[in-house]
C-alpha atoms as a PDB file:
ATOM      1  CA  MET A   1      15.849   2.898 -22.721  1.00  0.00           C
ATOM      2  CA  LYS A   2      18.871   0.543 -22.717  1.00  0.00           C
ATOM      3  CA  PRO A   3      21.175   1.421 -25.544  1.00  0.00           C
ATOM      4  CA  ASP A   4      20.796  -1.656 -27.752  1.00  0.00           C
ATOM      5  CA  GLN A   5      17.132  -2.212 -27.062  1.00  0.00           C
ATOM      6  CA  GLU A   6      14.600  -1.276 -29.841  1.00  0.00           C
ATOM      7  CA  PRO A   7      11.991   1.072 -29.235  1.00  0.00           C
ATOM      8  CA  GLY A   8       9.002  -1.022 -29.774  1.00  0.00           C
ATOM      9  CA  VAL A   9       5.832  -0.818 -31.644  1.00  0.00           C
ATOM     10  CA  PRO A  10       4.670   2.750 -31.635  1.00  0.00           C
ATOM     11  CA  LEU A  11       2.137   3.633 -28.953  1.00  0.00           C
ATOM     12  CA  ALA A  12      -0.674   4.332 -31.472  1.00  0.00           C
ATOM     13  CA  HIS A  13      -0.675   0.735 -32.787  1.00  0.00           C
ATOM     14  CA  TYR A  14      -2.434  -0.152 -29.327  1.00  0.00           C
ATOM     15  CA  ARG A  15      -5.020   2.208 -30.051  1.00  0.00           C
ATOM     16  CA  ASP A  16      -6.760  -0.422 -32.377  1.00  0.00           C
ATOM     17  CA  HIS A  17      -6.607  -2.962 -29.747  1.00  0.00           C
ATOM     18  CA  GLY A  18      -7.991  -1.710 -26.668  1.00  0.00           C
ATOM     19  CA  ALA A  19      -4.371  -2.061 -24.766  1.00  0.00           C
ATOM     20  CA  GLY A  20      -2.610   0.087 -22.071  1.00  0.00           C
ATOM     21  CA  VAL A  21       0.863   0.037 -21.111  1.00  0.00           C
ATOM     22  CA  TRP A  22       2.295  -2.177 -18.628  1.00  0.00           C
ATOM     23  CA  LEU A  23       5.053  -0.447 -16.133  1.00  0.00           C
ATOM     24  CA  THR A  24       7.214  -2.730 -14.456  1.00  0.00           C
ATOM     25  CA  CYS A  25      10.144  -2.283 -12.024  1.00  0.00           C
ATOM     26  CA  PRO A  26      12.680  -5.114 -12.078  1.00  0.00           C
ATOM     27  CA  ASP A  27      14.154  -4.711  -8.875  1.00  0.00           C
ATOM     28  CA  CYS A  28      10.684  -5.445  -6.903  1.00  0.00           C
ATOM     29  CA  VAL A  29       8.718  -6.727 -10.003  1.00  0.00           C
ATOM     30  CA  ASN A  30       5.774  -4.132  -8.827  1.00  0.00           C
ATOM     31  CA  HIS A  31       3.879  -3.246 -11.695  1.00  0.00           C
ATOM     32  CA  ARG A  32       0.951  -1.129 -12.702  1.00  0.00           C
ATOM     33  CA  GLU A  33      -1.060  -0.738 -16.085  1.00  0.00           C
ATOM     34  CA  LEU A  34      -1.284   2.676 -16.997  1.00  0.00           C
ATOM     35  CA  PRO A  35      -4.370   4.082 -19.437  1.00  0.00           C
ATOM     36  CA  LEU A  36      -2.848   4.514 -23.262  1.00  0.00           C
ATOM     37  CA  GLU A  37      -4.225   7.700 -23.792  1.00  0.00           C
ATOM     38  CA  ALA A  38      -3.210   9.321 -20.668  1.00  0.00           C
ATOM     39  CA  VAL A  39       0.694   7.973 -21.348  1.00  0.00           C
ATOM     40  CA  ILE A  40       0.585   9.527 -24.929  1.00  0.00           C
ATOM     41  CA  ARG A  41      -0.741  12.865 -23.370  1.00  0.00           C
ATOM     42  CA  ARG A  42       1.854  13.021 -20.921  1.00  0.00           C
ATOM     43  CA  LEU A  43       4.450  12.189 -23.209  1.00  0.00           C
ATOM     44  CA  ILE A  44       3.170  15.092 -25.527  1.00  0.00           C
ATOM     45  CA  ALA A  45       2.926  17.326 -22.673  1.00  0.00           C
ATOM     46  CA  ARG A  46       6.305  16.819 -21.399  1.00  0.00           C
ATOM     47  CA  GLY A  47       7.601  17.463 -24.824  1.00  0.00           C
ATOM     48  CA  VAL A  48       9.729  13.890 -24.890  1.00  0.00           C
ATOM     49  CA  GLY A  49       7.577  11.839 -27.270  1.00  0.00           C
ATOM     50  CA  SER A  50       3.594  11.461 -28.658  1.00  0.00           C
ATOM     51  CA  ALA A  51       1.843   8.432 -30.024  1.00  0.00           C
ATOM     52  CA  ALA A  52       4.762   7.449 -32.333  1.00  0.00           C
ATOM     53  CA  THR A  53       6.973   6.629 -29.153  1.00  0.00           C
ATOM     54  CA  GLY A  54       7.674   2.726 -29.260  1.00  0.00           C
ATOM     55  CA  ILE A  55       6.064   0.698 -26.136  1.00  0.00           C
ATOM     56  CA  LYS A  56       9.425  -0.173 -24.825  1.00  0.00           C
ATOM     57  CA  GLU A  57      10.739   3.674 -24.886  1.00  0.00           C
ATOM     58  CA  VAL A  58       8.061   4.625 -22.377  1.00  0.00           C
ATOM     59  CA  ALA A  59       9.813   3.208 -19.450  1.00  0.00           C
ATOM     60  CA  GLY A  60      12.828   5.707 -20.119  1.00  0.00           C
ATOM     61  CA  TYR A  61      10.500   8.427 -19.468  1.00  0.00           C
ATOM     62  CA  VAL A  62       9.359   7.521 -15.804  1.00  0.00           C
ATOM     63  CA  ASN A  63      10.238  10.388 -13.543  1.00  0.00           C
ATOM     64  CA  ARG A  64       9.101   9.068 -10.420  1.00  0.00           C
ATOM     65  CA  PRO A  65      10.320   6.203  -8.015  1.00  0.00           C
ATOM     66  CA  CYS A  66       8.901   3.039  -7.899  1.00  0.00           C
ATOM     67  CA  PRO A  67       6.156   3.160  -5.100  1.00  0.00           C
ATOM     68  CA  ARG A  68       7.418   0.115  -3.283  1.00  0.00           C
ATOM     69  CA  CYS A  69      10.963  -0.148  -3.695  1.00  0.00           C
ATOM     70  CA  GLY A  70      12.316   3.255  -4.438  1.00  0.00           C
ATOM     71  CA  GLY A  71      13.701   1.917  -7.775  1.00  0.00           C
ATOM     72  CA  ARG A  72      14.310   3.960 -10.504  1.00  0.00           C
ATOM     73  CA  ARG A  73      14.530   1.505 -13.797  1.00  0.00           C
ATOM     74  CA  PHE A  74      11.470   0.602 -15.544  1.00  0.00           C
ATOM     75  CA  ASP A  75      10.606  -1.709 -17.946  1.00  0.00           C
ATOM     76  CA  SER A  76       7.485  -1.139 -20.339  1.00  0.00           C
ATOM     77  CA  SER A  77       5.267  -3.469 -22.441  1.00  0.00           C
ATOM     78  CA  SER A  78       1.712  -3.688 -23.856  1.00  0.00           C
ATOM     79  CA  ALA A  79      -1.489  -4.483 -21.806  1.00  0.00           C
ATOM     80  CA  PHE A  80      -3.799  -6.291 -23.601  1.00  0.00           C
ATOM     81  CA  PRO A  81      -7.659  -6.402 -22.405  1.00  0.00           C
ATOM     82  CA  ALA A  82      -8.316 -10.100 -21.484  1.00  0.00           C
ATOM     83  CA  ARG A  83     -10.762 -11.744 -24.182  1.00  0.00           C
ATOM     84  CA  PRO A  84     -14.087 -12.107 -23.050  1.00  0.00           C
ATOM     85  CA  LYS A  85     -15.578 -15.252 -22.661  1.00  0.00           C
ATOM     86  CA  GLY A  86     -17.273 -16.116 -26.139  1.00  0.00           C
ATOM     87  CA  LYS A  87     -15.253 -14.146 -27.926  1.00  0.00           C
ATOM     88  CA  GLY A  88     -12.510 -16.528 -28.430  1.00  0.00           C
ATOM     89  CA  GLY A  89     -11.678 -16.991 -24.757  1.00  0.00           C
ATOM     90  CA  GLN A  90     -11.657 -19.975 -22.897  1.00  0.00           C
END
């Protein structure tokens, strides 16, 4: 996480919304969606975070390079599911 960046909303909040975590490489814009519970379990297993970790903080804990360009910087954000038709969708 960048020194001046806020940690973001705690991961636990996204459980209520069925969201995942978007991980994006800013160098090549490669991105992937990670399952929320898998991210939380991995943070706990590595001893670096928990469900209280902020969504923006997750990027700072990535320990593998980008599979496309080899970059080591990432951004993380919430990945909300698309709205199904008839439930407020178009």
